[in-house]
Amino acid sequence: MLDYGWWTQLQPHFSPAFKARGDEEQKKAHARLVAETQALAQKIDEIRSSQ
């Protein structure tokens, strides 16, 4: 979450030369956030079903 949040906070300050790269890094961070959130939900479901 911090990675995506960091890129989100920095985005308004991207220089024109860095904007494309910064936007791409933010997209990658968002994808990692979504994947980690889904993995956590799956792990929670596994724990609940094993009780």
N, C-alpha and C. Protein backbone atom coordinates (compact mmCIF):
# COMPACT_ATOMS: atom_id res chain seq x y z
N MET A 1 0.82 -1.19 0.00
CA MET A 1 0.00 0.00 0.00
C MET A 1 0.87 1.25 0.00
N LEU A 2 1.96 1.20 0.72
CA LEU A 2 2.83 2.38 0.78
C LEU A 2 3.42 2.72 -0.58
N ASP A 3 3.80 1.69 -1.33
CA ASP A 3 4.40 1.91 -2.64
C ASP A 3 3.42 2.66 -3.55
N TYR A 4 2.21 2.18 -3.64
CA TYR A 4 1.20 2.82 -4.49
C TYR A 4 0.89 4.22 -3.96
N GLY A 5 0.73 4.34 -2.67
CA GLY A 5 0.44 5.64 -2.07
C GLY A 5 1.54 6.65 -2.34
N TRP A 6 2.78 6.20 -2.28
CA TRP A 6 3.92 7.07 -2.54
C TRP A 6 3.87 7.60 -3.97
N TRP A 7 3.66 6.70 -4.92
CA TRP A 7 3.59 7.13 -6.32
C TRP A 7 2.40 8.05 -6.55
N THR A 8 1.30 7.81 -5.87
CA THR A 8 0.12 8.65 -6.00
C THR A 8 0.39 10.06 -5.49
N GLN A 9 1.10 10.15 -4.37
CA GLN A 9 1.43 11.46 -3.82
C GLN A 9 2.44 12.21 -4.69
N LEU A 10 3.34 11.48 -5.30
CA LEU A 10 4.36 12.11 -6.14
C LEU A 10 3.84 12.52 -7.52
N GLN A 11 2.81 11.86 -8.00
CA GLN A 11 2.35 12.06 -9.38
C GLN A 11 2.16 13.53 -9.78
N PRO A 12 1.55 14.37 -8.97
CA PRO A 12 1.38 15.77 -9.39
C PRO A 12 2.72 16.51 -9.56
N HIS A 13 3.78 15.96 -9.04
CA HIS A 13 5.07 16.62 -9.08
C HIS A 13 6.02 16.02 -10.11
N PHE A 14 5.55 15.07 -10.91
CA PHE A 14 6.39 14.49 -11.95
C PHE A 14 6.79 15.57 -12.95
N SER A 15 8.05 15.57 -13.32
CA SER A 15 8.49 16.47 -14.37
C SER A 15 8.00 15.93 -15.71
N PRO A 16 7.90 16.79 -16.71
CA PRO A 16 7.46 16.29 -18.03
C PRO A 16 8.34 15.14 -18.54
N ALA A 17 9.63 15.20 -18.25
CA ALA A 17 10.54 14.15 -18.72
C ALA A 17 10.32 12.83 -17.98
N PHE A 18 9.81 12.88 -16.77
CA PHE A 18 9.64 11.68 -15.94
C PHE A 18 8.21 11.16 -15.95
N LYS A 19 7.27 11.95 -16.45
CA LYS A 19 5.85 11.60 -16.34
C LYS A 19 5.51 10.20 -16.85
N ALA A 20 5.97 9.85 -18.03
CA ALA A 20 5.64 8.52 -18.58
C ALA A 20 6.18 7.41 -17.69
N ARG A 21 7.42 7.55 -17.24
CA ARG A 21 8.01 6.52 -16.37
C ARG A 21 7.30 6.48 -15.02
N GLY A 22 7.03 7.65 -14.46
CA GLY A 22 6.34 7.70 -13.17
C GLY A 22 4.95 7.10 -13.24
N ASP A 23 4.23 7.41 -14.31
CA ASP A 23 2.89 6.84 -14.47
C ASP A 23 2.96 5.31 -14.58
N GLU A 24 3.96 4.82 -15.29
CA GLU A 24 4.13 3.36 -15.43
C GLU A 24 4.46 2.72 -14.08
N GLU A 25 5.32 3.35 -13.31
CA GLU A 25 5.65 2.83 -11.97
C GLU A 25 4.42 2.83 -11.07
N GLN A 26 3.59 3.85 -11.18
CA GLN A 26 2.38 3.90 -10.38
C GLN A 26 1.43 2.76 -10.78
N LYS A 27 1.31 2.49 -12.06
CA LYS A 27 0.47 1.38 -12.52
C LYS A 27 0.99 0.04 -12.00
N LYS A 28 2.31 -0.13 -12.02
CA LYS A 28 2.90 -1.38 -11.50
C LYS A 28 2.62 -1.51 -10.01
N ALA A 29 2.77 -0.41 -9.28
CA ALA A 29 2.51 -0.43 -7.84
C ALA A 29 1.05 -0.76 -7.56
N HIS A 30 0.14 -0.24 -8.38
CA HIS A 30 -1.28 -0.54 -8.20
C HIS A 30 -1.55 -2.02 -8.45
N ALA A 31 -0.93 -2.57 -9.48
CA ALA A 31 -1.11 -3.99 -9.78
C ALA A 31 -0.60 -4.85 -8.62
N ARG A 32 0.54 -4.48 -8.04
CA ARG A 32 1.07 -5.22 -6.88
C ARG A 32 0.11 -5.10 -5.69
N LEU A 33 -0.46 -3.93 -5.49
CA LEU A 33 -1.41 -3.73 -4.39
C LEU A 33 -2.63 -4.62 -4.58
N VAL A 34 -3.17 -4.67 -5.78
CA VAL A 34 -4.33 -5.51 -6.05
C VAL A 34 -3.98 -6.98 -5.83
N ALA A 35 -2.83 -7.41 -6.32
CA ALA A 35 -2.42 -8.81 -6.17
C ALA A 35 -2.24 -9.17 -4.70
N GLU A 36 -1.61 -8.30 -3.93
CA GLU A 36 -1.39 -8.57 -2.51
C GLU A 36 -2.72 -8.58 -1.74
N THR A 37 -3.63 -7.71 -2.11
CA THR A 37 -4.95 -7.68 -1.45
C THR A 37 -5.71 -8.96 -1.73
N GLN A 38 -5.65 -9.43 -2.96
CA GLN A 38 -6.31 -10.69 -3.31
C GLN A 38 -5.66 -11.87 -2.60
N ALA A 39 -4.33 -11.86 -2.51
CA ALA A 39 -3.63 -12.94 -1.81
C ALA A 39 -4.01 -12.95 -0.33
N LEU A 40 -4.12 -11.78 0.27
CA LEU A 40 -4.51 -11.69 1.67
C LEU A 40 -5.93 -12.23 1.86
N ALA A 41 -6.84 -11.86 0.99
CA ALA A 41 -8.22 -12.36 1.09
C ALA A 41 -8.25 -13.88 0.98
N GLN A 42 -7.46 -14.42 0.08
CA GLN A 42 -7.40 -15.88 -0.08
C GLN A 42 -6.84 -16.53 1.18
N LYS A 43 -5.80 -15.95 1.75
CA LYS A 43 -5.20 -16.51 2.96
C LYS A 43 -6.19 -16.47 4.12
N ILE A 44 -6.92 -15.38 4.24
CA ILE A 44 -7.93 -15.27 5.29
C ILE A 44 -9.01 -16.34 5.11
N ASP A 45 -9.44 -16.55 3.87
CA ASP A 45 -10.43 -17.59 3.60
C ASP A 45 -9.90 -18.98 3.98
N GLU A 46 -8.63 -19.23 3.69
CA GLU A 46 -8.01 -20.51 4.05
C GLU A 46 -7.99 -20.70 5.57
N ILE A 47 -7.63 -19.66 6.27
CA ILE A 47 -7.57 -19.73 7.73
C ILE A 47 -8.96 -19.98 8.31
N ARG A 48 -9.94 -19.26 7.80
CA ARG A 48 -11.32 -19.41 8.30
C ARG A 48 -11.86 -20.81 8.01
N SER A 49 -11.57 -21.34 6.85
CA SER A 49 -12.11 -22.65 6.50
C SER A 49 -11.42 -23.79 7.25
N SER A 50 -10.23 -23.53 7.78
CA SER A 50 -9.52 -24.58 8.51
C SER A 50 -9.90 -24.61 10.00
N GLN A 51 -10.71 -23.69 10.43
CA GLN A 51 -11.09 -23.66 11.86
C GLN A 51 -12.32 -24.47 12.12
